[in-house]
PDB file of N, CA and C in Angstrom:
ATOM      1  N   MET A   1      -0.418 -27.941  10.847  1.00  0.00           N
ATOM      2  CA  MET A   1       0.556 -28.888  10.377  1.00  0.00           C
ATOM      3  C   MET A   1       0.920 -28.223   8.998  1.00  0.00           C
ATOM      4  N   ALA A   2       0.010 -27.767   8.243  1.00  0.00           N
ATOM      5  CA  ALA A   2       0.106 -27.255   7.029  1.00  0.00           C
ATOM      6  C   ALA A   2       1.031 -26.046   7.045  1.00  0.00           C
ATOM      7  N   ILE A   3       1.021 -25.120   8.025  1.00  0.00           N
ATOM      8  CA  ILE A   3       1.905 -24.085   8.028  1.00  0.00           C
ATOM      9  C   ILE A   3       3.394 -24.339   8.448  1.00  0.00           C
ATOM     10  N   VAL A   4       3.530 -25.414   9.234  1.00  0.00           N
ATOM     11  CA  VAL A   4       4.762 -26.048   9.627  1.00  0.00           C
ATOM     12  C   VAL A   4       5.529 -26.646   8.318  1.00  0.00           C
ATOM     13  N   PHE A   5       4.583 -27.508   7.604  1.00  0.00           N
ATOM     14  CA  PHE A   5       5.095 -28.046   6.386  1.00  0.00           C
ATOM     15  C   PHE A   5       5.451 -26.803   5.433  1.00  0.00           C
ATOM     16  N   GLY A   6       4.747 -25.898   5.285  1.00  0.00           N
ATOM     17  CA  GLY A   6       5.102 -24.897   4.391  1.00  0.00           C
ATOM     18  C   GLY A   6       6.438 -24.279   4.826  1.00  0.00           C
ATOM     19  N   TYR A   7       6.588 -24.085   6.183  1.00  0.00           N
ATOM     20  CA  TYR A   7       7.645 -23.326   6.638  1.00  0.00           C
ATOM     21  C   TYR A   7       8.879 -24.229   6.309  1.00  0.00           C
ATOM     22  N   VAL A   8       8.888 -25.527   6.345  1.00  0.00           N
ATOM     23  CA  VAL A   8       9.893 -26.402   6.093  1.00  0.00           C
ATOM     24  C   VAL A   8      10.147 -26.304   4.550  1.00  0.00           C
ATOM     25  N   LEU A   9       9.144 -26.440   3.773  1.00  0.00           N
ATOM     26  CA  LEU A   9       9.292 -26.251   2.239  1.00  0.00           C
ATOM     27  C   LEU A   9      10.095 -25.129   1.886  1.00  0.00           C
ATOM     28  N   LEU A  10       9.556 -23.860   2.463  1.00  0.00           N
ATOM     29  CA  LEU A  10      10.314 -22.505   2.126  1.00  0.00           C
ATOM     30  C   LEU A  10      11.642 -22.602   2.440  1.00  0.00           C
ATOM     31  N   GLY A  11      12.116 -23.170   3.673  1.00  0.00           N
ATOM     32  CA  GLY A  11      13.421 -23.057   4.057  1.00  0.00           C
ATOM     33  C   GLY A  11      14.237 -24.208   3.207  1.00  0.00           C
ATOM     34  N   GLY A  12      13.734 -25.264   3.042  1.00  0.00           N
ATOM     35  CA  GLY A  12      14.340 -26.364   2.237  1.00  0.00           C
ATOM     36  C   GLY A  12      14.782 -25.755   0.886  1.00  0.00           C
ATOM     37  N   TYR A  13      13.689 -25.063   0.132  1.00  0.00           N
ATOM     38  CA  TYR A  13      13.920 -24.468  -1.135  1.00  0.00           C
ATOM     39  C   TYR A  13      14.953 -23.239  -1.128  1.00  0.00           C
ATOM     40  N   ALA A  14      14.747 -22.504  -0.056  1.00  0.00           N
ATOM     41  CA  ALA A  14      15.848 -21.449   0.223  1.00  0.00           C
ATOM     42  C   ALA A  14      17.365 -21.938   0.171  1.00  0.00           C
ATOM     43  N   TRP A  15      17.613 -23.050   0.966  1.00  0.00           N
ATOM     44  CA  TRP A  15      18.906 -23.666   1.197  1.00  0.00           C
ATOM     45  C   TRP A  15      19.269 -24.311  -0.090  1.00  0.00           C
ATOM     46  N   TYR A  16      18.411 -24.865  -0.880  1.00  0.00           N
ATOM     47  CA  TYR A  16      18.671 -25.502  -2.383  1.00  0.00           C
ATOM     48  C   TYR A  16      19.239 -24.499  -3.242  1.00  0.00           C
ATOM     49  N   ALA A  17      18.463 -23.483  -3.292  1.00  0.00           N
ATOM     50  CA  ALA A  17      18.542 -22.344  -4.207  1.00  0.00           C
ATOM     51  C   ALA A  17      19.963 -21.676  -4.078  1.00  0.00           C
ATOM     52  N   THR A  18      20.131 -21.493  -2.684  1.00  0.00           N
ATOM     53  CA  THR A  18      21.309 -20.724  -2.455  1.00  0.00           C
ATOM     54  C   THR A  18      22.576 -21.698  -2.626  1.00  0.00           C
ATOM     55  N   ARG A  19      22.365 -22.964  -2.348  1.00  0.00           N
ATOM     56  CA  ARG A  19      23.711 -23.809  -2.643  1.00  0.00           C
ATOM     57  C   ARG A  19      23.838 -23.975  -4.034  1.00  0.00           C
ATOM     58  N   LYS A  20      22.906 -23.951  -4.857  1.00  0.00           N
ATOM     59  CA  LYS A  20      22.984 -23.976  -6.334  1.00  0.00           C
ATOM     60  C   LYS A  20      23.298 -22.723  -6.959  1.00  0.00           C
ATOM     61  N   GLY A  21      23.259 -21.502  -6.348  1.00  0.00           N
ATOM     62  CA  GLY A  21      23.653 -20.256  -6.814  1.00  0.00           C
ATOM     63  C   GLY A  21      22.608 -19.814  -7.848  1.00  0.00           C
ATOM     64  N   LEU A  22      21.269 -20.095  -7.633  1.00  0.00           N
ATOM     65  CA  LEU A  22      20.083 -19.620  -8.452  1.00  0.00           C
ATOM     66  C   LEU A  22      20.110 -18.298  -8.125  1.00  0.00           C
ATOM     67  N   PRO A  23      19.650 -17.499  -9.313  1.00  0.00           N
ATOM     68  CA  PRO A  23      19.601 -15.990  -9.060  1.00  0.00           C
ATOM     69  C   PRO A  23      18.376 -15.564  -8.274  1.00  0.00           C
ATOM     70  N   ASP A  24      17.412 -16.544  -8.256  1.00  0.00           N
ATOM     71  CA  ASP A  24      16.040 -16.009  -7.612  1.00  0.00           C
ATOM     72  C   ASP A  24      15.902 -16.702  -6.255  1.00  0.00           C
ATOM     73  N   ALA A  25      17.212 -17.165  -5.714  1.00  0.00           N
ATOM     74  CA  ALA A  25      17.037 -17.701  -4.369  1.00  0.00           C
ATOM     75  C   ALA A  25      16.565 -16.673  -3.162  1.00  0.00           C
ATOM     76  N   PRO A  26      15.452 -17.305  -2.532  1.00  0.00           N
ATOM     77  CA  PRO A  26      15.105 -16.394  -1.475  1.00  0.00           C
ATOM     78  C   PRO A  26      15.858 -16.136  -0.282  1.00  0.00           C
ATOM     79  N   ARG A  27      16.106 -14.828   0.083  1.00  0.00           N
ATOM     80  CA  ARG A  27      16.954 -14.478   1.136  1.00  0.00           C
ATOM     81  C   ARG A  27      16.056 -14.534   2.502  1.00  0.00           C
ATOM     82  N   LEU A  28      16.386 -15.601   3.367  1.00  0.00           N
ATOM     83  CA  LEU A  28      15.523 -15.729   4.723  1.00  0.00           C
ATOM     84  C   LEU A  28      16.310 -15.178   5.712  1.00  0.00           C
ATOM     85  N   ASP A  29      15.649 -14.518   6.469  1.00  0.00           N
ATOM     86  CA  ASP A  29      16.166 -14.061   7.834  1.00  0.00           C
ATOM     87  C   ASP A  29      15.644 -14.811   8.979  1.00  0.00           C
ATOM     88  N   TRP A  30      16.497 -15.883   9.134  1.00  0.00           N
ATOM     89  CA  TRP A  30      15.916 -16.914  10.114  1.00  0.00           C
ATOM     90  C   TRP A  30      15.972 -16.309  11.629  1.00  0.00           C
ATOM     91  N   LYS A  31      16.829 -15.349  11.858  1.00  0.00           N
ATOM     92  CA  LYS A  31      16.933 -14.799  13.301  1.00  0.00           C
ATOM     93  C   LYS A  31      15.363 -14.049  13.377  1.00  0.00           C
ATOM     94  N   ALA A  32      15.114 -13.502  12.337  1.00  0.00           N
ATOM     95  CA  ALA A  32      13.862 -12.514  12.719  1.00  0.00           C
ATOM     96  C   ALA A  32      12.559 -13.639  12.817  1.00  0.00           C
ATOM     97  N   ALA A  33      12.724 -14.711  12.275  1.00  0.00           N
ATOM     98  CA  ALA A  33      11.622 -15.506  12.273  1.00  0.00           C
ATOM     99  C   ALA A  33      11.640 -16.583  13.485  1.00  0.00           C
ATOM    100  N   ARG A  34      12.475 -16.598  14.301  1.00  0.00           N
ATOM    101  CA  ARG A  34      12.870 -17.851  15.222  1.00  0.00           C
ATOM    102  C   ARG A  34      11.705 -17.968  16.240  1.00  0.00           C
ATOM    103  N   TRP A  35      10.712 -17.010  16.332  1.00  0.00           N
ATOM    104  CA  TRP A  35       9.690 -17.066  17.156  1.00  0.00           C
ATOM    105  C   TRP A  35       8.473 -17.884  16.574  1.00  0.00           C
ATOM    106  N   LEU A  36       8.457 -17.971  15.177  1.00  0.00           N
ATOM    107  CA  LEU A  36       7.498 -18.726  14.488  1.00  0.00           C
ATOM    108  C   LEU A  36       7.258 -20.080  14.927  1.00  0.00           C
ATOM    109  N   PRO A  37       8.302 -20.874  14.564  1.00  0.00           N
ATOM    110  CA  PRO A  37       8.450 -22.275  15.148  1.00  0.00           C
ATOM    111  C   PRO A  37       7.790 -22.491  16.510  1.00  0.00           C
ATOM    112  N   VAL A  38       8.413 -21.814  17.404  1.00  0.00           N
ATOM    113  CA  VAL A  38       7.997 -21.779  18.888  1.00  0.00           C
ATOM    114  C   VAL A  38       6.624 -21.391  18.948  1.00  0.00           C
ATOM    115  N   HIS A  39       6.032 -20.603  18.427  1.00  0.00           N
ATOM    116  CA  HIS A  39       4.727 -20.242  18.566  1.00  0.00           C
ATOM    117  C   HIS A  39       3.626 -21.351  18.006  1.00  0.00           C
ATOM    118  N   LEU A  40       4.077 -21.820  16.722  1.00  0.00           N
ATOM    119  CA  LEU A  40       3.226 -22.976  16.123  1.00  0.00           C
ATOM    120  C   LEU A  40       3.262 -24.354  16.995  1.00  0.00           C
ATOM    121  N   LEU A  41       4.461 -24.584  17.384  1.00  0.00           N
ATOM    122  CA  LEU A  41       4.503 -25.743  18.128  1.00  0.00           C
ATOM    123  C   LEU A  41       3.942 -25.651  19.509  1.00  0.00           C
ATOM    124  N   GLY A  42       4.131 -24.219  20.056  1.00  0.00           N
ATOM    125  CA  GLY A  42       3.477 -24.111  21.459  1.00  0.00           C
ATOM    126  C   GLY A  42       1.856 -24.424  21.304  1.00  0.00           C
ATOM    127  N   LEU A  43       1.392 -23.581  20.240  1.00  0.00           N
ATOM    128  CA  LEU A  43      -0.166 -23.760  20.305  1.00  0.00           C
ATOM    129  C   LEU A  43      -0.580 -25.086  20.009  1.00  0.00           C
ATOM    130  N   GLY A  44       0.331 -25.667  19.257  1.00  0.00           N
ATOM    131  CA  GLY A  44       0.098 -27.280  18.973  1.00  0.00           C
ATOM    132  C   GLY A  44      -0.107 -28.045  20.277  1.00  0.00           C
ATOM    133  N   VAL A  45       0.998 -27.847  21.017  1.00  0.00           N
ATOM    134  CA  VAL A  45       0.890 -28.650  22.367  1.00  0.00           C
ATOM    135  C   VAL A  45      -0.206 -28.321  23.242  1.00  0.00           C
ATOM    136  N   ILE A  46      -0.321 -27.131  23.381  1.00  0.00           N
ATOM    137  CA  ILE A  46      -1.436 -26.357  24.099  1.00  0.00           C
ATOM    138  C   ILE A  46      -2.805 -27.248  23.690  1.00  0.00           C
ATOM    139  N   SER A  47      -3.119 -27.077  22.490  1.00  0.00           N
ATOM    140  CA  SER A  47      -4.215 -27.737  21.855  1.00  0.00           C
ATOM    141  C   SER A  47      -4.305 -29.060  22.116  1.00  0.00           C
ATOM    142  N   TRP A  48      -3.097 -29.801  21.968  1.00  0.00           N
ATOM    143  CA  TRP A  48      -3.033 -31.256  22.133  1.00  0.00           C
ATOM    144  C   TRP A  48      -3.474 -31.660  23.464  1.00  0.00           C
ATOM    145  N   GLN A  49      -2.911 -30.854  24.441  1.00  0.00           N
ATOM    146  CA  GLN A  49      -3.405 -31.061  25.947  1.00  0.00           C
ATOM    147  C   GLN A  49      -4.600 -30.506  26.439  1.00  0.00           C
ATOM    148  N   GLY A  50      -5.275 -29.659  25.677  1.00  0.00           N
ATOM    149  CA  GLY A  50      -6.504 -29.182  26.081  1.00  0.00           C
ATOM    150  C   GLY A  50      -7.850 -30.012  25.990  1.00  0.00           C
ATOM    151  N   GLY A  51      -8.871 -29.530  26.548  1.00  0.00           N
ATOM    152  CA  GLY A  51     -10.029 -30.376  26.689  1.00  0.00           C
ATOM    153  C   GLY A  51     -10.856 -30.343  25.259  1.00  0.00           C
ATOM    154  N   PHE A  52     -10.549 -29.394  24.304  1.00  0.00           N
ATOM    155  CA  PHE A  52     -11.431 -29.416  23.176  1.00  0.00           C
ATOM    156  C   PHE A  52     -10.747 -30.209  22.136  1.00  0.00           C
ATOM    157  N   GLY A  53     -10.900 -31.405  21.967  1.00  0.00           N
ATOM    158  CA  GLY A  53     -10.261 -32.380  21.263  1.00  0.00           C
ATOM    159  C   GLY A  53      -9.035 -32.827  21.358  1.00  0.00           C
ATOM    160  N   GLY A  54      -8.464 -32.309  22.581  1.00  0.00           N
ATOM    161  CA  GLY A  54      -7.218 -32.799  22.955  1.00  0.00           C
ATOM    162  C   GLY A  54      -7.291 -34.054  24.070  1.00  0.00           C
ATOM    163  N   ARG A  55      -6.133 -34.200  24.721  1.00  0.00           N
ATOM    164  CA  ARG A  55      -6.087 -35.198  25.694  1.00  0.00           C
ATOM    165  C   ARG A  55      -7.024 -34.890  27.067  1.00  0.00           C
ATOM    166  N   GLY A  56      -7.129 -33.679  27.345  1.00  0.00           N
ATOM    167  CA  GLY A  56      -7.962 -33.351  28.445  1.00  0.00           C
ATOM    168  C   GLY A  56      -7.047 -33.014  29.659  1.00  0.00           C
ATOM    169  N   HIS A  57      -5.850 -33.024  29.459  1.00  0.00           N
ATOM    170  CA  HIS A  57      -5.100 -32.693  30.625  1.00  0.00           C
ATOM    171  C   HIS A  57      -5.044 -31.135  31.142  1.00  0.00           C
ATOM    172  N   LEU A  58      -5.421 -30.349  30.321  1.00  0.00           N
ATOM    173  CA  LEU A  58      -5.611 -29.021  30.591  1.00  0.00           C
ATOM    174  C   LEU A  58      -7.106 -28.734  30.578  1.00  0.00           C
ATOM    175  N   ALA A  59      -7.552 -28.439  31.627  1.00  0.00           N
ATOM    176  CA  ALA A  59      -9.132 -28.280  31.904  1.00  0.00           C
ATOM    177  C   ALA A  59      -9.556 -27.006  31.474  1.00  0.00           C
ATOM    178  N   LEU A  60     -10.957 -26.746  31.294  1.00  0.00           N
ATOM    179  CA  LEU A  60     -11.421 -25.403  31.046  1.00  0.00           C
ATOM    180  C   LEU A  60     -11.073 -24.358  31.970  1.00  0.00           C
ATOM    181  N   GLY A  61     -10.463 -23.347  31.685  1.00  0.00           N
ATOM    182  CA  GLY A  61      -9.911 -22.307  32.672  1.00  0.00           C
ATOM    183  C   GLY A  61      -8.393 -22.191  32.811  1.00  0.00           C
ATOM    184  N   TRP A  62      -7.771 -23.461  32.953  1.00  0.00           N
ATOM    185  CA  TRP A  62      -6.403 -23.696  32.953  1.00  0.00           C
ATOM    186  C   TRP A  62      -5.775 -23.422  31.560  1.00  0.00           C
ATOM    187  N   ASP A  63      -6.570 -24.211  30.592  1.00  0.00           N
ATOM    188  CA  ASP A  63      -6.008 -23.939  29.160  1.00  0.00           C
ATOM    189  C   ASP A  63      -6.173 -22.357  28.787  1.00  0.00           C
ATOM    190  N   ILE A  64      -7.111 -21.650  29.306  1.00  0.00           N
ATOM    191  CA  ILE A  64      -7.140 -20.216  28.876  1.00  0.00           C
ATOM    192  C   ILE A  64      -5.944 -19.419  29.719  1.00  0.00           C
ATOM    193  N   LEU A  65      -5.707 -19.959  30.916  1.00  0.00           N
ATOM    194  CA  LEU A  65      -4.500 -19.399  31.560  1.00  0.00           C
ATOM    195  C   LEU A  65      -3.144 -19.664  30.993  1.00  0.00           C
ATOM    196  N   VAL A  66      -3.040 -20.922  30.459  1.00  0.00           N
ATOM    197  CA  VAL A  66      -1.681 -21.003  29.534  1.00  0.00           C
ATOM    198  C   VAL A  66      -1.720 -20.209  28.561  1.00  0.00           C
ATOM    199  N   ILE A  67      -2.910 -20.119  27.639  1.00  0.00           N
ATOM    200  CA  ILE A  67      -2.773 -19.116  26.516  1.00  0.00           C
ATOM    201  C   ILE A  67      -2.576 -17.752  26.890  1.00  0.00           C
ATOM    202  N   ALA A  68      -3.133 -17.328  27.910  1.00  0.00           N
ATOM    203  CA  ALA A  68      -3.115 -16.088  28.404  1.00  0.00           C
ATOM    204  C   ALA A  68      -1.554 -15.710  28.725  1.00  0.00           C
ATOM    205  N   VAL A  69      -0.738 -16.532  29.203  1.00  0.00           N
ATOM    206  CA  VAL A  69       0.750 -16.271  29.504  1.00  0.00           C
ATOM    207  C   VAL A  69       1.522 -16.474  28.227  1.00  0.00           C
ATOM    208  N   PHE A  70       1.305 -17.638  27.560  1.00  0.00           N
ATOM    209  CA  PHE A  70       1.919 -17.934  26.220  1.00  0.00           C
ATOM    210  C   PHE A  70       1.872 -16.959  25.135  1.00  0.00           C
ATOM    211  N   SER A  71       0.727 -16.430  24.772  1.00  0.00           N
ATOM    212  CA  SER A  71       0.380 -15.587  23.786  1.00  0.00           C
ATOM    213  C   SER A  71       1.093 -14.121  23.843  1.00  0.00           C
ATOM    214  N   PRO A  72       0.970 -13.510  24.926  1.00  0.00           N
ATOM    215  CA  PRO A  72       1.754 -12.149  25.153  1.00  0.00           C
ATOM    216  C   PRO A  72       3.318 -12.472  25.175  1.00  0.00           C
ATOM    217  N   ALA A  73       3.736 -13.544  25.566  1.00  0.00           N
ATOM    218  CA  ALA A  73       5.270 -13.853  25.482  1.00  0.00           C
ATOM    219  C   ALA A  73       5.673 -13.712  24.039  1.00  0.00           C
ATOM    220  N   ILE A  74       4.780 -14.493  23.163  1.00  0.00           N
ATOM    221  CA  ILE A  74       5.156 -14.578  21.774  1.00  0.00           C
ATOM    222  C   ILE A  74       4.989 -13.120  21.104  1.00  0.00           C
ATOM    223  N   TYR A  75       3.941 -12.421  21.413  1.00  0.00           N
ATOM    224  CA  TYR A  75       3.377 -11.205  21.038  1.00  0.00           C
ATOM    225  C   TYR A  75       4.432 -10.143  21.070  1.00  0.00           C
ATOM    226  N   TYR A  76       5.337 -10.150  22.410  1.00  0.00           N
ATOM    227  CA  TYR A  76       6.452  -9.223  22.528  1.00  0.00           C
ATOM    228  C   TYR A  76       7.725  -9.743  21.800  1.00  0.00           C
ATOM    229  N   TRP A  77       7.776 -11.081  21.916  1.00  0.00           N
ATOM    230  CA  TRP A  77       9.195 -11.561  21.231  1.00  0.00           C
ATOM    231  C   TRP A  77       9.334 -11.409  19.762  1.00  0.00           C
ATOM    232  N   ALA A  78       8.104 -11.644  19.086  1.00  0.00           N
ATOM    233  CA  ALA A  78       8.174 -11.393  17.583  1.00  0.00           C
ATOM    234  C   ALA A  78       8.714 -10.060  17.300  1.00  0.00           C
ATOM    235  N   PRO A  79       8.069  -8.911  17.538  1.00  0.00           N
ATOM    236  CA  PRO A  79       8.653  -7.720  17.109  1.00  0.00           C
ATOM    237  C   PRO A  79      10.132  -7.453  17.674  1.00  0.00           C
ATOM    238  N   ALA A  80      10.589  -8.016  18.743  1.00  0.00           N
ATOM    239  CA  ALA A  80      11.748  -7.595  19.298  1.00  0.00           C
ATOM    240  C   ALA A  80      12.835  -8.469  18.354  1.00  0.00           C
ATOM    241  N   SER A  81      12.528  -9.565  17.916  1.00  0.00           N
ATOM    242  CA  SER A  81      13.395 -10.183  17.016  1.00  0.00           C
ATOM    243  C   SER A  81      13.258  -9.893  15.535  1.00  0.00           C
ATOM    244  N   ALA A  82      12.504  -8.838  15.252  1.00  0.00           N
ATOM    245  CA  ALA A  82      12.379  -8.556  13.829  1.00  0.00           C
ATOM    246  C   ALA A  82      13.671  -7.850  13.202  1.00  0.00           C
ATOM    247  N   SER A  83      13.622  -7.840  11.784  1.00  0.00           N
ATOM    248  CA  SER A  83      14.795  -7.164  11.148  1.00  0.00           C
ATOM    249  C   SER A  83      14.610  -5.761  11.169  1.00  0.00           C
ATOM    250  N   LEU A  84      15.899  -5.007  11.144  1.00  0.00           N
ATOM    251  CA  LEU A  84      15.698  -3.562  11.215  1.00  0.00           C
ATOM    252  C   LEU A  84      15.399  -3.167   9.931  1.00  0.00           C
ATOM    253  N   ALA A  85      14.789  -1.843   9.915  1.00  0.00           N
ATOM    254  CA  ALA A  85      14.225  -1.119   8.731  1.00  0.00           C
ATOM    255  C   ALA A  85      15.353  -1.206   7.520  1.00  0.00           C
ATOM    256  N   GLY A  86      16.508  -0.806   7.979  1.00  0.00           N
ATOM    257  CA  GLY A  86      17.344  -0.908   6.747  1.00  0.00           C
ATOM    258  C   GLY A  86      17.714  -2.191   6.156  1.00  0.00           C
ATOM    259  N   GLU A  87      17.675  -3.271   6.996  1.00  0.00           N
ATOM    260  CA  GLU A  87      17.848  -4.647   6.589  1.00  0.00           C
ATOM    261  C   GLU A  87      16.823  -5.031   5.676  1.00  0.00           C
ATOM    262  N   ILE A  88      15.386  -4.676   5.886  1.00  0.00           N
ATOM    263  CA  ILE A  88      14.475  -4.791   5.163  1.00  0.00           C
ATOM    264  C   ILE A  88      14.431  -4.160   3.754  1.00  0.00           C
ATOM    265  N   GLU A  89      14.938  -2.824   3.718  1.00  0.00           N
ATOM    266  CA  GLU A  89      14.866  -2.025   2.555  1.00  0.00           C
ATOM    267  C   GLU A  89      15.951  -2.650   1.727  1.00  0.00           C
ATOM    268  N   ARG A  90      16.990  -3.181   2.340  1.00  0.00           N
ATOM    269  CA  ARG A  90      18.356  -3.531   1.580  1.00  0.00           C
ATOM    270  C   ARG A  90      17.849  -4.912   0.924  1.00  0.00           C
ATOM    271  N   SER A  91      16.987  -5.660   1.497  1.00  0.00           N
ATOM    272  CA  SER A  91      16.458  -6.908   0.932  1.00  0.00           C
ATOM    273  C   SER A  91      15.564  -6.805  -0.076  1.00  0.00           C
ATOM    274  N   ILE A  92      14.738  -5.571  -0.043  1.00  0.00           N
ATOM    275  CA  ILE A  92      13.778  -5.379  -1.217  1.00  0.00           C
ATOM    276  C   ILE A  92      14.595  -4.881  -2.351  1.00  0.00           C
ATOM    277  N   GLU A  93      15.636  -4.071  -2.109  1.00  0.00           N
ATOM    278  CA  GLU A  93      16.367  -3.556  -3.295  1.00  0.00           C
ATOM    279  C   GLU A  93      17.111  -4.674  -3.919  1.00  0.00           C
ATOM    280  N   GLU A  94      17.509  -5.710  -3.356  1.00  0.00           N
ATOM    281  CA  GLU A  94      18.188  -6.856  -3.779  1.00  0.00           C
ATOM    282  C   GLU A  94      17.347  -7.707  -4.775  1.00  0.00           C
ATOM    283  N   LEU A  95      15.983  -7.589  -4.572  1.00  0.00           N
ATOM    284  CA  LEU A  95      15.114  -8.417  -5.289  1.00  0.00           C
ATOM    285  C   LEU A  95      15.259  -8.090  -6.944  1.00  0.00           C
ATOM    286  N   ALA A  96      15.164  -9.151  -7.555  1.00  0.00           N
ATOM    287  CA  ALA A  96      15.299  -9.058  -9.067  1.00  0.00           C
ATOM    288  C   ALA A  96      13.998  -9.446  -9.483  1.00  0.00           C
ATOM    289  N   VAL A  97      13.602  -8.609 -10.308  1.00  0.00           N
ATOM    290  CA  VAL A  97      12.188  -8.768 -11.074  1.00  0.00           C
ATOM    291  C   VAL A  97      12.419  -9.876 -12.230  1.00  0.00           C
ATOM    292  N   ALA A  98      11.886 -10.898 -12.341  1.00  0.00           N
ATOM    293  CA  ALA A  98      12.078 -11.955 -13.477  1.00  0.00           C
ATOM    294  C   ALA A  98      11.273 -11.409 -14.591  1.00  0.00           C
ATOM    295  N   GLU A  99      12.005 -11.549 -15.713  1.00  0.00           N
ATOM    296  CA  GLU A  99      11.218 -10.954 -16.925  1.00  0.00           C
ATOM    297  C   GLU A  99      10.372 -12.238 -17.374  1.00  0.00           C
ATOM    298  N   VAL A 100       9.116 -12.121 -17.597  1.00  0.00           N
ATOM    299  CA  VAL A 100       8.186 -13.110 -18.108  1.00  0.00           C
ATOM    300  C   VAL A 100       7.871 -12.856 -19.468  1.00  0.00           C
ATOM    301  N   PRO A 101       7.981 -13.796 -20.318  1.00  0.00           N
ATOM    302  CA  PRO A 101       7.596 -13.426 -21.871  1.00  0.00           C
ATOM    303  C   PRO A 101       6.074 -13.442 -21.764  1.00  0.00           C
ATOM    304  N   VAL A 102       5.682 -12.552 -22.696  1.00  0.00           N
ATOM    305  CA  VAL A 102       4.097 -12.096 -22.897  1.00  0.00           C
ATOM    306  C   VAL A 102       3.741 -12.791 -24.078  1.00  0.00           C
ATOM    307  N   HIS A 103       2.761 -13.648 -23.982  1.00  0.00           N
ATOM    308  CA  HIS A 103       2.349 -14.278 -25.273  1.00  0.00           C
ATOM    309  C   HIS A 103       1.266 -13.629 -25.936  1.00  0.00           C
TER     310      HIS A 103
END
């Protein structure tokens, strides 16, 4: 839940900073990260339905089978949706280093 909360906070701040025109607004590539909420929610649902602290609807063995199917799907989807190297390099070049006063 903490990761999901952090994901929402980061997205909310990026939206706010972009709307206000702040110079240090983070540029998020939602298309490249669309697998992340699916992964987090999927693991949450599988855990919730599992036998180790969950509701017990997935017995031992079946829960492992579900994870064995779910995890490789995410594993191959994540890099397939990643940003291209040129886009990543352009994002890095656009970063502005904030000058912090030295005391």
